Protein backbone atom coordinates (compact mmCIF):
# COMPACT_ATOMS: atom_id res chain seq x y z
CA UNK A 1 0.00 0.00 0.00
CA UNK A 2 1.29 3.47 -0.93
CA UNK A 3 0.59 6.08 1.76
CA UNK A 4 0.87 9.86 2.20
CA UNK A 5 1.12 11.16 5.78
CA UNK A 6 0.41 14.74 6.88
CA UNK A 7 1.08 15.75 10.49
CA UNK A 8 3.01 18.73 11.81
CA UNK A 9 4.17 16.80 14.91
CA UNK A 10 7.44 15.23 13.88
CA UNK A 11 7.31 12.46 16.49
CA UNK A 12 3.85 11.33 15.42
CA UNK A 13 4.72 11.64 11.74
CA UNK A 14 7.92 9.61 11.99
CA UNK A 15 6.26 7.10 14.31
CA UNK A 16 3.49 6.38 11.79
CA UNK A 17 6.05 6.14 8.99
CA UNK A 18 8.00 3.52 10.93
CA UNK A 19 4.85 1.59 11.81
CA UNK A 20 3.64 1.45 8.22
CA UNK A 21 7.03 0.40 6.92
CA UNK A 22 7.14 -2.42 9.47
CA UNK A 23 3.89 -3.70 7.96
CA UNK A 24 5.39 -3.58 4.46
CA UNK A 25 3.69 -0.41 3.26
CA UNK A 26 5.43 2.35 1.30
CA UNK A 27 5.24 5.93 2.58
CA UNK A 28 5.58 8.00 -0.58
CA UNK A 29 5.43 11.35 1.24
CA UNK A 30 5.42 12.56 4.86
CA UNK A 31 4.64 16.28 5.13
CA UNK A 32 3.94 18.91 7.79
CA UNK A 33 2.05 21.55 5.79
CA UNK A 34 -1.47 21.36 4.27
CA UNK A 35 -0.26 22.73 0.92
CA UNK A 36 2.38 20.03 0.76
CA UNK A 37 -0.35 17.46 1.49
CA UNK A 38 -2.40 18.55 -1.51
CA UNK A 39 0.64 18.52 -3.78
CA UNK A 40 1.75 15.10 -2.52
CA UNK A 41 -1.64 13.49 -3.10
CA UNK A 42 -2.02 15.01 -6.56
CA UNK A 43 1.49 13.93 -7.50
CA UNK A 44 1.64 10.45 -5.97
CA UNK A 45 -2.04 9.37 -6.08
CA UNK A 46 -1.55 7.18 -2.98
CA UNK A 47 -3.76 4.26 -1.97
CA UNK A 48 -4.65 6.19 1.18
CA UNK A 49 -3.65 9.39 2.99
CA UNK A 50 -3.40 9.84 6.77
CA UNK A 51 -4.15 13.44 7.72
CA UNK A 52 -4.08 15.39 10.98
CA UNK A 53 -6.99 17.81 11.41
CA UNK A 54 -5.04 20.66 13.00
CA UNK A 55 -2.05 21.86 11.00
CA UNK A 56 -0.20 25.15 10.41
CA UNK A 57 -0.62 28.05 10.28
CA UNK A 58 -3.60 28.42 12.66
CA UNK A 59 -3.85 24.81 13.88
CA UNK A 60 -7.65 24.82 13.62
CA UNK A 61 -8.78 22.77 10.64
CA UNK A 62 -6.19 23.24 7.89
CA UNK A 63 -5.55 19.51 7.53
CA UNK A 64 -9.22 18.75 7.15
CA UNK A 65 -9.77 21.52 4.63
CA UNK A 66 -6.80 20.30 2.60
CA UNK A 67 -8.21 16.77 2.63
CA UNK A 68 -11.62 18.02 1.51
CA UNK A 69 -9.95 20.06 -1.24
CA UNK A 70 -8.29 16.90 -2.51
CA UNK A 71 -11.57 15.00 -2.34
CA UNK A 72 -13.19 17.63 -4.53
CA UNK A 73 -10.53 17.36 -7.24
CA UNK A 74 -9.83 13.62 -6.82
CA UNK A 75 -13.13 12.24 -5.43
CA UNK A 76 -11.93 8.65 -5.12
CA UNK A 77 -8.85 9.55 -3.06
CA UNK A 78 -9.10 7.62 0.27
CA UNK A 79 -8.46 9.74 3.36
CA UNK A 80 -8.14 8.71 7.02
CA UNK A 81 -8.36 11.70 9.36
CA UNK A 82 -6.60 11.60 12.73
CA UNK A 83 -7.51 13.99 15.54
CA UNK A 84 -7.02 14.39 19.28
CA UNK A 85 -10.62 15.54 19.61
CA UNK A 86 -14.09 14.52 18.50
CA UNK A 87 -15.23 17.05 15.90
CA UNK A 88 -18.69 15.94 14.76
CA UNK A 89 -19.00 18.63 12.08
CA UNK A 90 -15.84 17.28 10.47
CA UNK A 91 -17.29 13.78 10.41
CA UNK A 92 -20.41 15.07 8.67
CA UNK A 93 -18.38 16.77 5.94
CA UNK A 94 -16.27 13.68 5.37
CA UNK A 95 -19.14 11.27 4.93
CA UNK A 96 -21.25 13.62 2.79
CA UNK A 97 -19.86 12.05 -0.38
CA UNK A 98 -21.49 8.76 -1.49
CA UNK A 99 -18.09 7.48 -2.60
CA UNK A 100 -16.90 6.39 0.84
CA UNK A 101 -13.19 5.71 1.38
CA UNK A 102 -13.06 8.04 4.40
CA UNK A 103 -12.31 7.56 8.07
CA UNK A 104 -12.06 9.51 11.31
CA UNK A 105 -9.99 8.13 14.19
CA UNK A 106 -8.71 9.58 17.42
CA UNK A 107 -4.92 9.54 17.58
CA UNK A 108 -4.99 7.32 20.64
CA UNK A 109 -6.24 4.49 18.39
CA UNK A 110 -2.82 4.30 16.76
CA UNK A 111 -1.68 2.65 20.00
CA UNK A 112 -3.83 -0.36 19.11
CA UNK A 113 -1.83 -1.30 16.04
CA UNK A 114 -4.13 -4.06 14.78
CA UNK A 115 -7.24 -1.86 14.94
CA UNK A 116 -5.42 1.03 13.31
CA UNK A 117 -4.12 -1.08 10.43
CA UNK A 118 -7.54 -2.67 9.97
CA UNK A 119 -9.15 0.77 9.77
CA UNK A 120 -6.51 1.98 7.32
CA UNK A 121 -7.05 -1.04 5.07
CA UNK A 122 -10.82 -0.58 5.13
CA UNK A 123 -10.56 3.09 4.13
CA UNK A 124 -8.04 2.24 1.38
CA UNK A 125 -10.50 -0.28 -0.07
CA UNK A 126 -13.44 2.14 -0.11
CA UNK A 127 -14.89 1.71 3.36
CA UNK A 128 -16.15 4.31 5.82
CA UNK A 129 -14.63 4.05 9.31
CA UNK A 130 -15.39 6.16 12.37
CA UNK A 131 -13.82 5.95 15.79
CA UNK A 132 -16.04 4.28 18.42
CA UNK A 133 -15.68 7.37 20.63
CA UNK A 134 -16.99 9.54 17.78
CA UNK A 135 -19.92 7.17 17.37
CA UNK A 136 -20.57 7.11 21.14
CA UNK A 137 -20.76 10.90 21.33
CA UNK A 138 -22.93 11.18 18.25
CA UNK A 139 -25.31 8.56 19.64
CA UNK A 140 -26.27 10.98 22.43
CA UNK A 141 -27.63 13.47 19.93
CA UNK A 142 -31.32 13.45 19.12
CA UNK A 143 -32.68 13.61 15.60
CA UNK A 144 -36.13 13.03 14.17
CA UNK A 145 -35.06 10.63 11.37
CA UNK A 146 -33.44 8.30 13.91
CA UNK A 147 -36.39 8.33 16.30
CA UNK A 148 -38.05 5.81 13.99
CA UNK A 149 -35.33 3.23 14.63
CA UNK A 150 -35.44 0.54 17.29
CA UNK A 151 -32.61 0.15 19.79
CA UNK A 152 -31.21 -2.80 17.81
CA UNK A 153 -31.42 -0.89 14.53
CA UNK A 154 -29.47 1.96 16.11
CA UNK A 155 -26.83 -0.55 17.23
CA UNK A 156 -26.58 -1.90 13.69
CA UNK A 157 -26.37 1.60 12.23
CA UNK A 158 -23.67 2.57 14.73
CA UNK A 159 -21.58 -0.43 13.67
CA UNK A 160 -22.17 0.46 10.02
CA UNK A 161 -20.78 3.91 10.82
CA UNK A 162 -17.68 2.24 12.27
CA UNK A 163 -17.21 0.57 8.88
CA UNK A 164 -18.11 -3.02 9.76
CA UNK A 165 -19.50 -5.42 7.14
CA UNK A 166 -22.76 -7.31 7.64
CA UNK A 167 -20.81 -10.42 8.67
CA UNK A 168 -18.75 -8.48 11.21
CA UNK A 169 -21.88 -6.83 12.64
CA UNK A 170 -23.49 -10.26 13.02
CA UNK A 171 -20.47 -11.53 14.94
CA UNK A 172 -20.37 -8.51 17.24
CA UNK A 173 -24.10 -8.67 18.03
CA UNK A 174 -24.15 -12.48 18.12
CA UNK A 175 -27.00 -12.73 15.62
CA UNK A 176 -27.39 -14.31 12.20
CA UNK A 177 -26.39 -12.64 8.96
CA UNK A 178 -30.03 -12.77 7.91
CA UNK A 179 -31.05 -10.83 11.02
CA UNK A 180 -28.51 -8.12 10.23
CA UNK A 181 -29.75 -7.88 6.64
CA UNK A 182 -33.32 -7.52 7.92
CA UNK A 183 -32.30 -4.73 10.31
CA UNK A 184 -30.46 -2.91 7.51
CA UNK A 185 -33.49 -3.19 5.20
CA UNK A 186 -35.63 -1.72 7.98
CA UNK A 187 -33.12 1.10 8.46
CA UNK A 188 -33.20 1.90 4.75
CA UNK A 189 -37.00 1.89 4.77
CA UNK A 190 -37.39 4.05 7.88
CA UNK A 191 -34.81 6.55 6.63
CA UNK A 192 -36.56 6.57 3.23
CA UNK A 193 -33.47 5.50 1.30
CA UNK A 194 -34.78 4.33 -2.03
CA UNK A 195 -33.80 1.08 -3.74
CA UNK A 196 -32.82 3.06 -6.85
CA UNK A 197 -29.51 3.75 -5.09
CA UNK A 198 -27.01 0.91 -4.91
CA UNK A 199 -26.36 -0.88 -1.60
CA UNK A 200 -23.10 0.95 -0.82
CA UNK A 201 -24.63 4.34 -1.60
CA UNK A 202 -27.56 3.64 0.70
CA UNK A 203 -25.23 2.51 3.49
CA UNK A 204 -23.32 5.80 3.24
CA UNK A 205 -26.56 7.81 3.21
CA UNK A 206 -27.74 5.91 6.28
CA UNK A 207 -24.48 6.68 8.08
CA UNK A 208 -24.81 10.34 7.06
CA UNK A 209 -28.29 10.44 8.59
CA UNK A 210 -26.83 8.88 11.72
CA UNK A 211 -24.01 11.42 11.97
CA UNK A 212 -26.41 14.29 11.32
CA UNK A 213 -28.67 12.79 14.04
C-alpha atoms as a PDB file:
ATOM      1  CA  UNK A   1       0.000   0.000   0.000  1.00  0.00           C
ATOM      2  CA  UNK A   2       1.290   3.473  -0.928  1.00  0.00           C
ATOM      3  CA  UNK A   3       0.593   6.084   1.757  1.00  0.00           C
ATOM      4  CA  UNK A   4       0.873   9.861   2.204  1.00  0.00           C
ATOM      5  CA  UNK A   5       1.121  11.163   5.777  1.00  0.00           C
ATOM      6  CA  UNK A   6       0.410  14.743   6.881  1.00  0.00           C
ATOM      7  CA  UNK A   7       1.079  15.745  10.491  1.00  0.00           C
ATOM      8  CA  UNK A   8       3.006  18.735  11.815  1.00  0.00           C
ATOM      9  CA  UNK A   9       4.168  16.805  14.907  1.00  0.00           C
ATOM     10  CA  UNK A  10       7.437  15.227  13.876  1.00  0.00           C
ATOM     11  CA  UNK A  11       7.311  12.458  16.493  1.00  0.00           C
ATOM     12  CA  UNK A  12       3.845  11.335  15.421  1.00  0.00           C
ATOM     13  CA  UNK A  13       4.724  11.640  11.736  1.00  0.00           C
ATOM     14  CA  UNK A  14       7.918   9.608  11.992  1.00  0.00           C
ATOM     15  CA  UNK A  15       6.263   7.097  14.306  1.00  0.00           C
ATOM     16  CA  UNK A  16       3.492   6.375  11.790  1.00  0.00           C
ATOM     17  CA  UNK A  17       6.047   6.141   8.987  1.00  0.00           C
ATOM     18  CA  UNK A  18       8.005   3.517  10.925  1.00  0.00           C
ATOM     19  CA  UNK A  19       4.848   1.590  11.815  1.00  0.00           C
ATOM     20  CA  UNK A  20       3.641   1.452   8.220  1.00  0.00           C
ATOM     21  CA  UNK A  21       7.031   0.402   6.924  1.00  0.00           C
ATOM     22  CA  UNK A  22       7.142  -2.417   9.471  1.00  0.00           C
ATOM     23  CA  UNK A  23       3.895  -3.697   7.958  1.00  0.00           C
ATOM     24  CA  UNK A  24       5.393  -3.575   4.461  1.00  0.00           C
ATOM     25  CA  UNK A  25       3.688  -0.412   3.257  1.00  0.00           C
ATOM     26  CA  UNK A  26       5.427   2.347   1.299  1.00  0.00           C
ATOM     27  CA  UNK A  27       5.244   5.925   2.583  1.00  0.00           C
ATOM     28  CA  UNK A  28       5.575   7.996  -0.584  1.00  0.00           C
ATOM     29  CA  UNK A  29       5.435  11.346   1.245  1.00  0.00           C
ATOM     30  CA  UNK A  30       5.425  12.564   4.857  1.00  0.00           C
ATOM     31  CA  UNK A  31       4.644  16.283   5.130  1.00  0.00           C
ATOM     32  CA  UNK A  32       3.943  18.906   7.788  1.00  0.00           C
ATOM     33  CA  UNK A  33       2.046  21.551   5.788  1.00  0.00           C
ATOM     34  CA  UNK A  34      -1.467  21.363   4.272  1.00  0.00           C
ATOM     35  CA  UNK A  35      -0.259  22.734   0.919  1.00  0.00           C
ATOM     36  CA  UNK A  36       2.378  20.028   0.756  1.00  0.00           C
ATOM     37  CA  UNK A  37      -0.347  17.462   1.485  1.00  0.00           C
ATOM     38  CA  UNK A  38      -2.405  18.547  -1.508  1.00  0.00           C
ATOM     39  CA  UNK A  39       0.637  18.523  -3.781  1.00  0.00           C
ATOM     40  CA  UNK A  40       1.748  15.098  -2.521  1.00  0.00           C
ATOM     41  CA  UNK A  41      -1.641  13.486  -3.101  1.00  0.00           C
ATOM     42  CA  UNK A  42      -2.023  15.008  -6.559  1.00  0.00           C
ATOM     43  CA  UNK A  43       1.494  13.928  -7.505  1.00  0.00           C
ATOM     44  CA  UNK A  44       1.637  10.447  -5.966  1.00  0.00           C
ATOM     45  CA  UNK A  45      -2.040   9.368  -6.081  1.00  0.00           C
ATOM     46  CA  UNK A  46      -1.546   7.179  -2.977  1.00  0.00           C
ATOM     47  CA  UNK A  47      -3.759   4.265  -1.973  1.00  0.00           C
ATOM     48  CA  UNK A  48      -4.654   6.194   1.185  1.00  0.00           C
ATOM     49  CA  UNK A  49      -3.651   9.395   2.989  1.00  0.00           C
ATOM     50  CA  UNK A  50      -3.397   9.835   6.773  1.00  0.00           C
ATOM     51  CA  UNK A  51      -4.145  13.437   7.719  1.00  0.00           C
ATOM     52  CA  UNK A  52      -4.080  15.388  10.978  1.00  0.00           C
ATOM     53  CA  UNK A  53      -6.995  17.807  11.407  1.00  0.00           C
ATOM     54  CA  UNK A  54      -5.043  20.663  13.000  1.00  0.00           C
ATOM     55  CA  UNK A  55      -2.046  21.861  10.996  1.00  0.00           C
ATOM     56  CA  UNK A  56      -0.202  25.153  10.412  1.00  0.00           C
ATOM     57  CA  UNK A  57      -0.621  28.054  10.281  1.00  0.00           C
ATOM     58  CA  UNK A  58      -3.602  28.417  12.662  1.00  0.00           C
ATOM     59  CA  UNK A  59      -3.855  24.807  13.885  1.00  0.00           C
ATOM     60  CA  UNK A  60      -7.652  24.819  13.616  1.00  0.00           C
ATOM     61  CA  UNK A  61      -8.780  22.766  10.641  1.00  0.00           C
ATOM     62  CA  UNK A  62      -6.189  23.243   7.891  1.00  0.00           C
ATOM     63  CA  UNK A  63      -5.546  19.512   7.531  1.00  0.00           C
ATOM     64  CA  UNK A  64      -9.218  18.747   7.148  1.00  0.00           C
ATOM     65  CA  UNK A  65      -9.767  21.523   4.631  1.00  0.00           C
ATOM     66  CA  UNK A  66      -6.796  20.299   2.600  1.00  0.00           C
ATOM     67  CA  UNK A  67      -8.208  16.769   2.627  1.00  0.00           C
ATOM     68  CA  UNK A  68     -11.620  18.020   1.510  1.00  0.00           C
ATOM     69  CA  UNK A  69      -9.952  20.062  -1.241  1.00  0.00           C
ATOM     70  CA  UNK A  70      -8.290  16.903  -2.507  1.00  0.00           C
ATOM     71  CA  UNK A  71     -11.571  14.995  -2.337  1.00  0.00           C
ATOM     72  CA  UNK A  72     -13.186  17.633  -4.532  1.00  0.00           C
ATOM     73  CA  UNK A  73     -10.531  17.361  -7.243  1.00  0.00           C
ATOM     74  CA  UNK A  74      -9.830  13.619  -6.815  1.00  0.00           C
ATOM     75  CA  UNK A  75     -13.130  12.238  -5.429  1.00  0.00           C
ATOM     76  CA  UNK A  76     -11.931   8.648  -5.123  1.00  0.00           C
ATOM     77  CA  UNK A  77      -8.848   9.552  -3.064  1.00  0.00           C
ATOM     78  CA  UNK A  78      -9.097   7.617   0.266  1.00  0.00           C
ATOM     79  CA  UNK A  79      -8.461   9.742   3.364  1.00  0.00           C
ATOM     80  CA  UNK A  80      -8.136   8.715   7.016  1.00  0.00           C
ATOM     81  CA  UNK A  81      -8.363  11.701   9.359  1.00  0.00           C
ATOM     82  CA  UNK A  82      -6.600  11.603  12.731  1.00  0.00           C
ATOM     83  CA  UNK A  83      -7.512  13.992  15.542  1.00  0.00           C
ATOM     84  CA  UNK A  84      -7.018  14.395  19.277  1.00  0.00           C
ATOM     85  CA  UNK A  85     -10.622  15.545  19.608  1.00  0.00           C
ATOM     86  CA  UNK A  86     -14.091  14.524  18.499  1.00  0.00           C
ATOM     87  CA  UNK A  87     -15.235  17.051  15.898  1.00  0.00           C
ATOM     88  CA  UNK A  88     -18.690  15.938  14.760  1.00  0.00           C
ATOM     89  CA  UNK A  89     -18.999  18.630  12.083  1.00  0.00           C
ATOM     90  CA  UNK A  90     -15.840  17.281  10.467  1.00  0.00           C
ATOM     91  CA  UNK A  91     -17.291  13.779  10.411  1.00  0.00           C
ATOM     92  CA  UNK A  92     -20.407  15.067   8.670  1.00  0.00           C
ATOM     93  CA  UNK A  93     -18.380  16.771   5.940  1.00  0.00           C
ATOM     94  CA  UNK A  94     -16.273  13.680   5.369  1.00  0.00           C
ATOM     95  CA  UNK A  95     -19.136  11.269   4.933  1.00  0.00           C
ATOM     96  CA  UNK A  96     -21.255  13.618   2.785  1.00  0.00           C
ATOM     97  CA  UNK A  97     -19.862  12.052  -0.384  1.00  0.00           C
ATOM     98  CA  UNK A  98     -21.488   8.764  -1.491  1.00  0.00           C
ATOM     99  CA  UNK A  99     -18.091   7.481  -2.597  1.00  0.00           C
ATOM    100  CA  UNK A 100     -16.900   6.394   0.845  1.00  0.00           C
ATOM    101  CA  UNK A 101     -13.188   5.714   1.385  1.00  0.00           C
ATOM    102  CA  UNK A 102     -13.063   8.044   4.403  1.00  0.00           C
ATOM    103  CA  UNK A 103     -12.306   7.560   8.067  1.00  0.00           C
ATOM    104  CA  UNK A 104     -12.059   9.512  11.312  1.00  0.00           C
ATOM    105  CA  UNK A 105      -9.987   8.134  14.190  1.00  0.00           C
ATOM    106  CA  UNK A 106      -8.709   9.584  17.417  1.00  0.00           C
ATOM    107  CA  UNK A 107      -4.924   9.543  17.580  1.00  0.00           C
ATOM    108  CA  UNK A 108      -4.986   7.316  20.638  1.00  0.00           C
ATOM    109  CA  UNK A 109      -6.241   4.487  18.390  1.00  0.00           C
ATOM    110  CA  UNK A 110      -2.818   4.302  16.764  1.00  0.00           C
ATOM    111  CA  UNK A 111      -1.683   2.647  19.996  1.00  0.00           C
ATOM    112  CA  UNK A 112      -3.827  -0.363  19.111  1.00  0.00           C
ATOM    113  CA  UNK A 113      -1.829  -1.301  16.038  1.00  0.00           C
ATOM    114  CA  UNK A 114      -4.131  -4.061  14.777  1.00  0.00           C
ATOM    115  CA  UNK A 115      -7.241  -1.865  14.941  1.00  0.00           C
ATOM    116  CA  UNK A 116      -5.423   1.034  13.312  1.00  0.00           C
ATOM    117  CA  UNK A 117      -4.118  -1.083  10.430  1.00  0.00           C
ATOM    118  CA  UNK A 118      -7.538  -2.671   9.965  1.00  0.00           C
ATOM    119  CA  UNK A 119      -9.155   0.765   9.767  1.00  0.00           C
ATOM    120  CA  UNK A 120      -6.508   1.975   7.322  1.00  0.00           C
ATOM    121  CA  UNK A 121      -7.055  -1.035   5.069  1.00  0.00           C
ATOM    122  CA  UNK A 122     -10.825  -0.579   5.129  1.00  0.00           C
ATOM    123  CA  UNK A 123     -10.561   3.088   4.133  1.00  0.00           C
ATOM    124  CA  UNK A 124      -8.043   2.238   1.381  1.00  0.00           C
ATOM    125  CA  UNK A 125     -10.501  -0.282  -0.074  1.00  0.00           C
ATOM    126  CA  UNK A 126     -13.437   2.138  -0.114  1.00  0.00           C
ATOM    127  CA  UNK A 127     -14.893   1.706   3.362  1.00  0.00           C
ATOM    128  CA  UNK A 128     -16.150   4.312   5.819  1.00  0.00           C
ATOM    129  CA  UNK A 129     -14.627   4.054   9.309  1.00  0.00           C
ATOM    130  CA  UNK A 130     -15.387   6.155  12.365  1.00  0.00           C
ATOM    131  CA  UNK A 131     -13.823   5.954  15.788  1.00  0.00           C
ATOM    132  CA  UNK A 132     -16.041   4.276  18.423  1.00  0.00           C
ATOM    133  CA  UNK A 133     -15.679   7.366  20.627  1.00  0.00           C
ATOM    134  CA  UNK A 134     -16.990   9.538  17.784  1.00  0.00           C
ATOM    135  CA  UNK A 135     -19.920   7.170  17.375  1.00  0.00           C
ATOM    136  CA  UNK A 136     -20.573   7.105  21.137  1.00  0.00           C
ATOM    137  CA  UNK A 137     -20.764  10.901  21.332  1.00  0.00           C
ATOM    138  CA  UNK A 138     -22.931  11.182  18.250  1.00  0.00           C
ATOM    139  CA  UNK A 139     -25.308   8.556  19.635  1.00  0.00           C
ATOM    140  CA  UNK A 140     -26.266  10.980  22.433  1.00  0.00           C
ATOM    141  CA  UNK A 141     -27.626  13.473  19.929  1.00  0.00           C
ATOM    142  CA  UNK A 142     -31.323  13.454  19.124  1.00  0.00           C
ATOM    143  CA  UNK A 143     -32.683  13.613  15.602  1.00  0.00           C
ATOM    144  CA  UNK A 144     -36.130  13.026  14.173  1.00  0.00           C
ATOM    145  CA  UNK A 145     -35.064  10.628  11.372  1.00  0.00           C
ATOM    146  CA  UNK A 146     -33.440   8.298  13.909  1.00  0.00           C
ATOM    147  CA  UNK A 147     -36.390   8.330  16.300  1.00  0.00           C
ATOM    148  CA  UNK A 148     -38.047   5.810  13.987  1.00  0.00           C
ATOM    149  CA  UNK A 149     -35.331   3.226  14.629  1.00  0.00           C
ATOM    150  CA  UNK A 150     -35.439   0.544  17.291  1.00  0.00           C
ATOM    151  CA  UNK A 151     -32.607   0.146  19.793  1.00  0.00           C
ATOM    152  CA  UNK A 152     -31.207  -2.803  17.813  1.00  0.00           C
ATOM    153  CA  UNK A 153     -31.420  -0.889  14.528  1.00  0.00           C
ATOM    154  CA  UNK A 154     -29.468   1.964  16.114  1.00  0.00           C
ATOM    155  CA  UNK A 155     -26.834  -0.547  17.231  1.00  0.00           C
ATOM    156  CA  UNK A 156     -26.576  -1.901  13.692  1.00  0.00           C
ATOM    157  CA  UNK A 157     -26.373   1.604  12.233  1.00  0.00           C
ATOM    158  CA  UNK A 158     -23.671   2.571  14.728  1.00  0.00           C
ATOM    159  CA  UNK A 159     -21.575  -0.435  13.672  1.00  0.00           C
ATOM    160  CA  UNK A 160     -22.171   0.458  10.017  1.00  0.00           C
ATOM    161  CA  UNK A 161     -20.781   3.913  10.820  1.00  0.00           C
ATOM    162  CA  UNK A 162     -17.676   2.237  12.267  1.00  0.00           C
ATOM    163  CA  UNK A 163     -17.208   0.566   8.884  1.00  0.00           C
ATOM    164  CA  UNK A 164     -18.114  -3.022   9.756  1.00  0.00           C
ATOM    165  CA  UNK A 165     -19.495  -5.419   7.140  1.00  0.00           C
ATOM    166  CA  UNK A 166     -22.762  -7.307   7.641  1.00  0.00           C
ATOM    167  CA  UNK A 167     -20.812 -10.416   8.665  1.00  0.00           C
ATOM    168  CA  UNK A 168     -18.748  -8.478  11.212  1.00  0.00           C
ATOM    169  CA  UNK A 169     -21.883  -6.834  12.638  1.00  0.00           C
ATOM    170  CA  UNK A 170     -23.493 -10.256  13.018  1.00  0.00           C
ATOM    171  CA  UNK A 171     -20.470 -11.535  14.941  1.00  0.00           C
ATOM    172  CA  UNK A 172     -20.371  -8.512  17.243  1.00  0.00           C
ATOM    173  CA  UNK A 173     -24.099  -8.666  18.025  1.00  0.00           C
ATOM    174  CA  UNK A 174     -24.151 -12.484  18.122  1.00  0.00           C
ATOM    175  CA  UNK A 175     -26.998 -12.730  15.615  1.00  0.00           C
ATOM    176  CA  UNK A 176     -27.391 -14.311  12.204  1.00  0.00           C
ATOM    177  CA  UNK A 177     -26.393 -12.637   8.961  1.00  0.00           C
ATOM    178  CA  UNK A 178     -30.029 -12.772   7.911  1.00  0.00           C
ATOM    179  CA  UNK A 179     -31.049 -10.831  11.017  1.00  0.00           C
ATOM    180  CA  UNK A 180     -28.508  -8.117  10.227  1.00  0.00           C
ATOM    181  CA  UNK A 181     -29.751  -7.880   6.639  1.00  0.00           C
ATOM    182  CA  UNK A 182     -33.317  -7.515   7.918  1.00  0.00           C
ATOM    183  CA  UNK A 183     -32.304  -4.734  10.311  1.00  0.00           C
ATOM    184  CA  UNK A 184     -30.462  -2.915   7.512  1.00  0.00           C
ATOM    185  CA  UNK A 185     -33.491  -3.189   5.201  1.00  0.00           C
ATOM    186  CA  UNK A 186     -35.627  -1.720   7.984  1.00  0.00           C
ATOM    187  CA  UNK A 187     -33.115   1.095   8.464  1.00  0.00           C
ATOM    188  CA  UNK A 188     -33.203   1.905   4.747  1.00  0.00           C
ATOM    189  CA  UNK A 189     -37.001   1.890   4.772  1.00  0.00           C
ATOM    190  CA  UNK A 190     -37.389   4.045   7.878  1.00  0.00           C
ATOM    191  CA  UNK A 191     -34.814   6.550   6.629  1.00  0.00           C
ATOM    192  CA  UNK A 192     -36.564   6.567   3.232  1.00  0.00           C
ATOM    193  CA  UNK A 193     -33.473   5.498   1.298  1.00  0.00           C
ATOM    194  CA  UNK A 194     -34.781   4.329  -2.034  1.00  0.00           C
ATOM    195  CA  UNK A 195     -33.804   1.079  -3.740  1.00  0.00           C
ATOM    196  CA  UNK A 196     -32.822   3.061  -6.848  1.00  0.00           C
ATOM    197  CA  UNK A 197     -29.515   3.748  -5.090  1.00  0.00           C
ATOM    198  CA  UNK A 198     -27.009   0.906  -4.909  1.00  0.00           C
ATOM    199  CA  UNK A 199     -26.358  -0.875  -1.599  1.00  0.00           C
ATOM    200  CA  UNK A 200     -23.098   0.952  -0.819  1.00  0.00           C
ATOM    201  CA  UNK A 201     -24.632   4.341  -1.600  1.00  0.00           C
ATOM    202  CA  UNK A 202     -27.564   3.644   0.697  1.00  0.00           C
ATOM    203  CA  UNK A 203     -25.233   2.508   3.487  1.00  0.00           C
ATOM    204  CA  UNK A 204     -23.320   5.800   3.237  1.00  0.00           C
ATOM    205  CA  UNK A 205     -26.558   7.805   3.206  1.00  0.00           C
ATOM    206  CA  UNK A 206     -27.743   5.914   6.281  1.00  0.00           C
ATOM    207  CA  UNK A 207     -24.481   6.675   8.077  1.00  0.00           C
ATOM    208  CA  UNK A 208     -24.807  10.337   7.061  1.00  0.00           C
ATOM    209  CA  UNK A 209     -28.292  10.439   8.588  1.00  0.00           C
ATOM    210  CA  UNK A 210     -26.826   8.881  11.722  1.00  0.00           C
ATOM    211  CA  UNK A 211     -24.013  11.417  11.974  1.00  0.00           C
ATOM    212  CA  UNK A 212     -26.415  14.286  11.320  1.00  0.00           C
ATOM    213  CA  UNK A 213     -28.667  12.785  14.038  1.00  0.00           C
END
